[in-house]
C-alpha atoms as a PDB file:
ATOM      1  CA  UNK A   1       6.391 -17.152   0.752  1.00  0.00           C
ATOM      2  CA  UNK A   2       8.905 -13.835   0.052  1.00  0.00           C
ATOM      3  CA  UNK A   3       6.574 -10.862   1.256  1.00  0.00           C
ATOM      4  CA  UNK A   4       6.217 -13.237   5.371  1.00  0.00           C
ATOM      5  CA  UNK A   5       9.741 -13.198   5.660  1.00  0.00           C
ATOM      6  CA  UNK A   6      10.986 -10.899   4.445  1.00  0.00           C
ATOM      7  CA  UNK A   7       9.001  -7.482   6.135  1.00  0.00           C
ATOM      8  CA  UNK A   8       9.631  -8.356   9.226  1.00  0.00           C
ATOM      9  CA  UNK A   9       7.000  -5.890  10.231  1.00  0.00           C
ATOM     10  CA  UNK A  10       3.648  -3.586   9.179  1.00  0.00           C
ATOM     11  CA  UNK A  11       5.741  -0.903  10.302  1.00  0.00           C
ATOM     12  CA  UNK A  12       8.733  -1.382   7.774  1.00  0.00           C
ATOM     13  CA  UNK A  13       5.636  -2.801   5.151  1.00  0.00           C
ATOM     14  CA  UNK A  14       3.889   0.509   5.092  1.00  0.00           C
ATOM     15  CA  UNK A  15       7.280   2.363   4.941  1.00  0.00           C
ATOM     16  CA  UNK A  16       8.616   0.173   1.848  1.00  0.00           C
ATOM     17  CA  UNK A  17       5.398   1.565  -0.299  1.00  0.00           C
ATOM     18  CA  UNK A  18       5.325   5.302   0.969  1.00  0.00           C
ATOM     19  CA  UNK A  19       8.996   5.100  -0.152  1.00  0.00           C
ATOM     20  CA  UNK A  20       7.167   3.945  -3.190  1.00  0.00           C
ATOM     21  CA  UNK A  21       5.423   6.539  -4.535  1.00  0.00           C
ATOM     22  CA  UNK A  22       8.429   9.243  -3.032  1.00  0.00           C
ATOM     23  CA  UNK A  23       9.209   7.337  -5.982  1.00  0.00           C
ATOM     24  CA  UNK A  24       7.247   7.431  -8.120  1.00  0.00           C
ATOM     25  CA  UNK A  25       7.002  10.980  -7.807  1.00  0.00           C
ATOM     26  CA  UNK A  26       4.022  11.778  -5.712  1.00  0.00           C
ATOM     27  CA  UNK A  27       4.012  14.927  -3.676  1.00  0.00           C
ATOM     28  CA  UNK A  28       1.649  13.515  -1.267  1.00  0.00           C
ATOM     29  CA  UNK A  29       0.490  10.045  -0.054  1.00  0.00           C
ATOM     30  CA  UNK A  30      -2.120   9.615   2.284  1.00  0.00           C
ATOM     31  CA  UNK A  31      -2.761   6.529   4.651  1.00  0.00           C
ATOM     32  CA  UNK A  32      -5.939   5.446   5.654  1.00  0.00           C
ATOM     33  CA  UNK A  33      -7.433   2.663   7.833  1.00  0.00           C
ATOM     34  CA  UNK A  34     -10.990   1.833   8.213  1.00  0.00           C
ATOM     35  CA  UNK A  35     -12.619   0.847  11.472  1.00  0.00           C
ATOM     36  CA  UNK A  36     -14.716  -2.154  12.042  1.00  0.00           C
ATOM     37  CA  UNK A  37     -16.859  -3.822  15.149  1.00  0.00           C
ATOM     38  CA  UNK A  38     -16.815  -6.565  16.371  1.00  0.00           C
ATOM     39  CA  UNK A  39     -18.717  -8.525  19.338  1.00  0.00           C
ATOM     40  CA  UNK A  40     -16.845 -11.081  21.450  1.00  0.00           C
ATOM     41  CA  UNK A  41     -17.844 -12.946  24.670  1.00  0.00           C
ATOM     42  CA  UNK A  42     -16.747 -11.529  28.161  1.00  0.00           C
ATOM     43  CA  UNK A  43     -17.585 -12.984  31.499  1.00  0.00           C
ATOM     44  CA  UNK A  44     -21.405 -13.502  29.943  1.00  0.00           C
ATOM     45  CA  UNK A  45     -21.721  -9.672  28.184  1.00  0.00           C
ATOM     46  CA  UNK A  46     -21.374  -9.140  24.584  1.00  0.00           C
ATOM     47  CA  UNK A  47     -18.973  -5.820  24.178  1.00  0.00           C
ATOM     48  CA  UNK A  48     -18.079  -4.246  21.073  1.00  0.00           C
ATOM     49  CA  UNK A  49     -14.190  -4.156  20.007  1.00  0.00           C
ATOM     50  CA  UNK A  50     -12.546  -2.400  17.636  1.00  0.00           C
ATOM     51  CA  UNK A  51     -10.433  -3.846  14.833  1.00  0.00           C
ATOM     52  CA  UNK A  52      -8.600  -2.774  11.186  1.00  0.00           C
ATOM     53  CA  UNK A  53     -10.833  -2.687   8.340  1.00  0.00           C
ATOM     54  CA  UNK A  54      -8.264  -1.797   5.068  1.00  0.00           C
ATOM     55  CA  UNK A  55      -5.301  -0.223   4.582  1.00  0.00           C
ATOM     56  CA  UNK A  56      -5.367   2.632   1.720  1.00  0.00           C
ATOM     57  CA  UNK A  57      -2.128   3.622   0.081  1.00  0.00           C
ATOM     58  CA  UNK A  58      -2.945   6.357  -2.040  1.00  0.00           C
ATOM     59  CA  UNK A  59      -0.389   8.225  -4.494  1.00  0.00           C
ATOM     60  CA  UNK A  60      -0.093  11.061  -6.968  1.00  0.00           C
ATOM     61  CA  UNK A  61       2.724  10.326  -8.018  1.00  0.00           C
ATOM     62  CA  UNK A  62       2.888   8.899 -11.937  1.00  0.00           C
ATOM     63  CA  UNK A  63       1.557   5.461 -10.927  1.00  0.00           C
ATOM     64  CA  UNK A  64       1.453   2.975 -13.575  1.00  0.00           C
ATOM     65  CA  UNK A  65      -0.169   1.102 -16.470  1.00  0.00           C
ATOM     66  CA  UNK A  66      -1.570  -1.606 -17.454  1.00  0.00           C
ATOM     67  CA  UNK A  67       2.014  -2.859 -19.909  1.00  0.00           C
ATOM     68  CA  UNK A  68       3.781  -1.698 -16.417  1.00  0.00           C
ATOM     69  CA  UNK A  69       1.346  -3.158 -14.413  1.00  0.00           C
ATOM     70  CA  UNK A  70       1.836  -6.446 -17.236  1.00  0.00           C
ATOM     71  CA  UNK A  71       6.141  -6.084 -17.388  1.00  0.00           C
ATOM     72  CA  UNK A  72       7.187  -5.104 -14.057  1.00  0.00           C
ATOM     73  CA  UNK A  73       4.882  -4.946 -11.200  1.00  0.00           C
ATOM     74  CA  UNK A  74       3.691  -8.567 -11.463  1.00  0.00           C
ATOM     75  CA  UNK A  75       7.459  -9.925 -12.827  1.00  0.00           C
ATOM     76  CA  UNK A  76       8.620 -10.702  -9.167  1.00  0.00           C
ATOM     77  CA  UNK A  77      12.517 -10.222  -9.641  1.00  0.00           C
ATOM     78  CA  UNK A  78      11.729  -7.283 -11.693  1.00  0.00           C
ATOM     79  CA  UNK A  79      13.403  -3.527 -10.665  1.00  0.00           C
ATOM     80  CA  UNK A  80      13.909  -0.710 -13.250  1.00  0.00           C
ATOM     81  CA  UNK A  81      15.376   1.208  -9.947  1.00  0.00           C
ATOM     82  CA  UNK A  82      17.730  -1.860 -10.780  1.00  0.00           C
ATOM     83  CA  UNK A  83      17.959  -1.839 -15.125  1.00  0.00           C
ATOM     84  CA  UNK A  84      18.212   1.815 -15.096  1.00  0.00           C
ATOM     85  CA  UNK A  85      14.918   2.149 -17.068  1.00  0.00           C
ATOM     86  CA  UNK A  86      13.629   4.045 -14.447  1.00  0.00           C
ATOM     87  CA  UNK A  87      12.267   7.550 -15.404  1.00  0.00           C
ATOM     88  CA  UNK A  88      14.907   9.839 -13.629  1.00  0.00           C
ATOM     89  CA  UNK A  89      13.092  12.107 -10.747  1.00  0.00           C
ATOM     90  CA  UNK A  90      14.811  14.200  -9.686  1.00  0.00           C
ATOM     91  CA  UNK A  91      15.591  12.516  -6.220  1.00  0.00           C
ATOM     92  CA  UNK A  92      16.971   9.761  -4.436  1.00  0.00           C
ATOM     93  CA  UNK A  93      16.193   6.868  -4.727  1.00  0.00           C
ATOM     94  CA  UNK A  94      14.568   5.499  -1.608  1.00  0.00           C
ATOM     95  CA  UNK A  95      12.651   2.444  -2.128  1.00  0.00           C
ATOM     96  CA  UNK A  96      14.801  -0.732  -1.865  1.00  0.00           C
ATOM     97  CA  UNK A  97      14.132  -2.796  -5.048  1.00  0.00           C
ATOM     98  CA  UNK A  98      11.021  -5.464  -5.493  1.00  0.00           C
ATOM     99  CA  UNK A  99      10.472  -5.098  -2.318  1.00  0.00           C
ATOM    100  CA  UNK A 100       6.941  -3.073  -2.106  1.00  0.00           C
ATOM    101  CA  UNK A 101       5.230  -5.483  -3.980  1.00  0.00           C
ATOM    102  CA  UNK A 102       5.886  -7.864  -0.627  1.00  0.00           C
ATOM    103  CA  UNK A 103       5.348  -5.191   1.742  1.00  0.00           C
ATOM    104  CA  UNK A 104       1.698  -5.583   0.381  1.00  0.00           C
ATOM    105  CA  UNK A 105       1.179  -9.432   1.991  1.00  0.00           C
ATOM    106  CA  UNK A 106       2.911  -8.780   5.026  1.00  0.00           C
ATOM    107  CA  UNK A 107      -0.424  -6.581   5.393  1.00  0.00           C
ATOM    108  CA  UNK A 108      -2.998  -8.060   4.558  1.00  0.00           C
ATOM    109  CA  UNK A 109      -3.733 -11.341   2.114  1.00  0.00           C
ATOM    110  CA  UNK A 110      -6.095  -9.164  -0.201  1.00  0.00           C
ATOM    111  CA  UNK A 111      -5.031  -6.841  -2.303  1.00  0.00           C
ATOM    112  CA  UNK A 112      -6.378  -4.135  -4.535  1.00  0.00           C
ATOM    113  CA  UNK A 113      -4.411  -1.775  -7.419  1.00  0.00           C
ATOM    114  CA  UNK A 114      -5.795   0.837  -9.173  1.00  0.00           C
ATOM    115  CA  UNK A 115      -3.058   2.970 -11.365  1.00  0.00           C
ATOM    116  CA  UNK A 116      -3.859   5.468 -13.800  1.00  0.00           C
ATOM    117  CA  UNK A 117      -0.953   7.857 -15.730  1.00  0.00           C
ATOM    118  CA  UNK A 118      -1.602  11.570 -16.908  1.00  0.00           C
ATOM    119  CA  UNK A 119      -1.400   9.544 -20.557  1.00  0.00           C
ATOM    120  CA  UNK A 120      -4.135   6.427 -19.695  1.00  0.00           C
ATOM    121  CA  UNK A 121      -7.787   7.429 -19.997  1.00  0.00           C
ATOM    122  CA  UNK A 122      -8.473   4.944 -18.137  1.00  0.00           C
ATOM    123  CA  UNK A 123      -7.819   3.352 -14.375  1.00  0.00           C
ATOM    124  CA  UNK A 124      -6.450  -0.096 -13.866  1.00  0.00           C
ATOM    125  CA  UNK A 125      -7.265  -2.799 -11.463  1.00  0.00           C
ATOM    126  CA  UNK A 126      -5.942  -5.673 -10.393  1.00  0.00           C
ATOM    127  CA  UNK A 127      -7.061  -7.816  -7.602  1.00  0.00           C
ATOM    128  CA  UNK A 128      -4.822 -10.204  -6.002  1.00  0.00           C
ATOM    129  CA  UNK A 129      -6.057 -12.702  -2.962  1.00  0.00           C
ATOM    130  CA  UNK A 130      -2.335 -13.775  -1.782  1.00  0.00           C
ATOM    131  CA  UNK A 131      -4.015 -16.990  -0.480  1.00  0.00           C
ATOM    132  CA  UNK A 132      -4.796 -18.426  -3.822  1.00  0.00           C
ATOM    133  CA  UNK A 133      -0.351 -18.939  -3.908  1.00  0.00           C
ATOM    134  CA  UNK A 134      -0.604 -20.832  -0.769  1.00  0.00           C
ATOM    135  CA  UNK A 135      -3.352 -23.694  -1.923  1.00  0.00           C
ATOM    136  CA  UNK A 136      -0.133 -25.373  -3.824  1.00  0.00           C
ATOM    137  CA  UNK A 137       3.332 -24.857  -3.155  1.00  0.00           C
ATOM    138  CA  UNK A 138       4.831 -27.246  -5.872  1.00  0.00           C
ATOM    139  CA  UNK A 139       2.193 -24.689  -8.848  1.00  0.00           C
ATOM    140  CA  UNK A 140       4.221 -22.390 -10.557  1.00  0.00           C
ATOM    141  CA  UNK A 141       3.752 -18.509  -9.872  1.00  0.00           C
ATOM    142  CA  UNK A 142       2.911 -17.613 -12.554  1.00  0.00           C
ATOM    143  CA  UNK A 143       0.698 -20.098 -13.762  1.00  0.00           C
ATOM    144  CA  UNK A 144      -2.104 -18.693 -10.824  1.00  0.00           C
ATOM    145  CA  UNK A 145      -4.705 -16.817 -12.340  1.00  0.00           C
ATOM    146  CA  UNK A 146      -5.243 -12.666 -10.934  1.00  0.00           C
ATOM    147  CA  UNK A 147      -8.026 -10.452 -11.841  1.00  0.00           C
ATOM    148  CA  UNK A 148      -8.092  -7.310 -14.360  1.00  0.00           C
ATOM    149  CA  UNK A 149     -10.585  -4.366 -14.851  1.00  0.00           C
ATOM    150  CA  UNK A 150     -10.399  -1.118 -16.083  1.00  0.00           C
ATOM    151  CA  UNK A 151     -12.150   1.635 -14.485  1.00  0.00           C
ATOM    152  CA  UNK A 152     -13.459   5.403 -16.267  1.00  0.00           C
ATOM    153  CA  UNK A 153     -11.999   6.783 -12.640  1.00  0.00           C
ATOM    154  CA  UNK A 154     -10.728   5.995  -9.223  1.00  0.00           C
ATOM    155  CA  UNK A 155     -12.725   4.644  -6.121  1.00  0.00           C
ATOM    156  CA  UNK A 156     -11.660   6.905  -3.203  1.00  0.00           C
ATOM    157  CA  UNK A 157     -11.950   5.774  -0.199  1.00  0.00           C
ATOM    158  CA  UNK A 158     -14.710   8.461   2.111  1.00  0.00           C
ATOM    159  CA  UNK A 159     -11.788  10.141   4.086  1.00  0.00           C
ATOM    160  CA  UNK A 160      -9.995  11.245   1.715  1.00  0.00           C
ATOM    161  CA  UNK A 161      -9.677  14.762   0.667  1.00  0.00           C
ATOM    162  CA  UNK A 162     -10.140  15.804  -2.498  1.00  0.00           C
ATOM    163  CA  UNK A 163      -8.962  13.545  -6.058  1.00  0.00           C
ATOM    164  CA  UNK A 164      -5.610  12.387  -7.986  1.00  0.00           C
ATOM    165  CA  UNK A 165      -5.535  12.655 -11.478  1.00  0.00           C
ATOM    166  CA  UNK A 166      -2.516  10.111 -11.537  1.00  0.00           C
ATOM    167  CA  UNK A 167      -0.586   8.002  -8.931  1.00  0.00           C
ATOM    168  CA  UNK A 168      -1.757   4.608  -7.352  1.00  0.00           C
ATOM    169  CA  UNK A 169      -4.221   3.183  -5.050  1.00  0.00           C
ATOM    170  CA  UNK A 170      -3.103   0.317  -3.079  1.00  0.00           C
ATOM    171  CA  UNK A 171      -6.331  -1.470  -0.988  1.00  0.00           C
ATOM    172  CA  UNK A 172      -5.063  -4.035   1.523  1.00  0.00           C
ATOM    173  CA  UNK A 173      -8.152  -5.637   3.927  1.00  0.00           C
ATOM    174  CA  UNK A 174      -8.150  -9.058   5.544  1.00  0.00           C
ATOM    175  CA  UNK A 175      -4.885  -7.805   7.587  1.00  0.00           C
ATOM    176  CA  UNK A 176      -2.465 -10.467   9.410  1.00  0.00           C
ATOM    177  CA  UNK A 177      -2.276  -8.064  12.575  1.00  0.00           C
ATOM    178  CA  UNK A 178      -5.937  -6.570  12.078  1.00  0.00           C
ATOM    179  CA  UNK A 179      -5.889  -6.366  16.165  1.00  0.00           C
ATOM    180  CA  UNK A 180      -2.682  -4.802  16.730  1.00  0.00           C
ATOM    181  CA  UNK A 181      -2.626  -1.370  15.211  1.00  0.00           C
ATOM    182  CA  UNK A 182      -2.534   0.311  18.619  1.00  0.00           C
ATOM    183  CA  UNK A 183      -2.613   4.115  18.628  1.00  0.00           C
ATOM    184  CA  UNK A 184       1.379   3.155  19.912  1.00  0.00           C
ATOM    185  CA  UNK A 185       1.878   0.907  16.859  1.00  0.00           C
ATOM    186  CA  UNK A 186       0.385   4.049  15.008  1.00  0.00           C
ATOM    187  CA  UNK A 187       2.504   7.216  16.744  1.00  0.00           C
ATOM    188  CA  UNK A 188       5.144   4.756  16.110  1.00  0.00           C
ATOM    189  CA  UNK A 189       3.976   3.816  12.629  1.00  0.00           C
ATOM    190  CA  UNK A 190       4.576   7.970  12.356  1.00  0.00           C
ATOM    191  CA  UNK A 191       7.794   8.452  13.586  1.00  0.00           C
ATOM    192  CA  UNK A 192       8.738   5.819  11.194  1.00  0.00           C
ATOM    193  CA  UNK A 193       7.392   8.393   8.702  1.00  0.00           C
ATOM    194  CA  UNK A 194       9.056  11.811   9.951  1.00  0.00           C
ATOM    195  CA  UNK A 195      11.698   9.791   7.957  1.00  0.00           C
ATOM    196  CA  UNK A 196      10.993   9.974   4.665  1.00  0.00           C
ATOM    197  CA  UNK A 197       9.110  14.123   4.732  1.00  0.00           C
ATOM    198  CA  UNK A 198      12.834  14.815   4.219  1.00  0.00           C
ATOM    199  CA  UNK A 199      15.250  12.529   3.655  1.00  0.00           C
ATOM    200  CA  UNK A 200      17.652  12.688   2.898  1.00  0.00           C
ATOM    201  CA  UNK A 201      18.205  16.924   4.617  1.00  0.00           C
ATOM    202  CA  UNK A 202      16.843  18.047   0.451  1.00  0.00           C
ATOM    203  CA  UNK A 203      13.891  20.197   1.527  1.00  0.00           C
ATOM    204  CA  UNK A 204      13.161  21.148  -1.624  1.00  0.00           C
ATOM    205  CA  UNK A 205      11.216  17.479  -1.898  1.00  0.00           C
ATOM    206  CA  UNK A 206       7.942  18.400  -1.632  1.00  0.00           C
ATOM    207  CA  UNK A 207       7.145  15.135  -0.423  1.00  0.00           C
ATOM    208  CA  UNK A 208       3.700  14.775   2.464  1.00  0.00           C
ATOM    209  CA  UNK A 209       2.217  12.352   4.209  1.00  0.00           C
ATOM    210  CA  UNK A 210      -0.749  11.865   6.177  1.00  0.00           C
ATOM    211  CA  UNK A 211      -1.867   9.308   8.097  1.00  0.00           C
ATOM    212  CA  UNK A 212      -5.599   8.569   8.576  1.00  0.00           C
ATOM    213  CA  UNK A 213      -7.909   7.111  11.602  1.00  0.00           C
ATOM    214  CA  UNK A 214     -11.067   8.594  13.158  1.00  0.00           C
ATOM    215  CA  UNK A 215     -11.571   5.964  14.990  1.00  0.00           C
ATOM    216  CA  UNK A 216      -7.578   5.515  17.090  1.00  0.00           C
ATOM    217  CA  UNK A 217      -7.927   9.869  16.897  1.00  0.00           C
ATOM    218  CA  UNK A 218     -11.933   9.973  18.896  1.00  0.00           C
ATOM    219  CA  UNK A 219     -10.222   7.102  21.152  1.00  0.00           C
ATOM    220  CA  UNK A 220      -6.653   9.046  21.587  1.00  0.00           C
END
């Protein structure tokens, strides 16, 4: 409910998640859209229709440990920026306090987070189906089970060039507006994200954003 009502649209949602990567001291963020096809019947003919299957937002920042996920990310009202415990970085913070996690729900109903700090020996995996929280509005938020496990390394989409040693991989599926990601919308996203490449007029920020969508590029 918070995510759907608080975040006004998909572009704002991605913008907030990328700002979180900036605040995590990442110098590179990859936004990857994967595409699937479906057949629909029009005038007694079946035609292929493309739709966005998943959105990946991948950064090479400081990442989160298991403790960070448990004590920070899963606490709805918690913000390390607010209480002053966020690690110091040589940047002005860009993200709104605690908004990023709600952006995931705005974009899609299923979330997987892979996260690793440089001090962790394994990658934490968190799986959330936001639909589980919609089944009984009288049930306590904290009483709903989520899945957690660990992997030896990040599981990255084929479209990503290279590996990451630490950071966060956000994988959002069952997109709420899967047919709306047209070339125009992707260009709108790009125009908004340009503000983050050098958000405070500091050319030393060293923050790069890459958007990959092979289908749109081939059909532009």
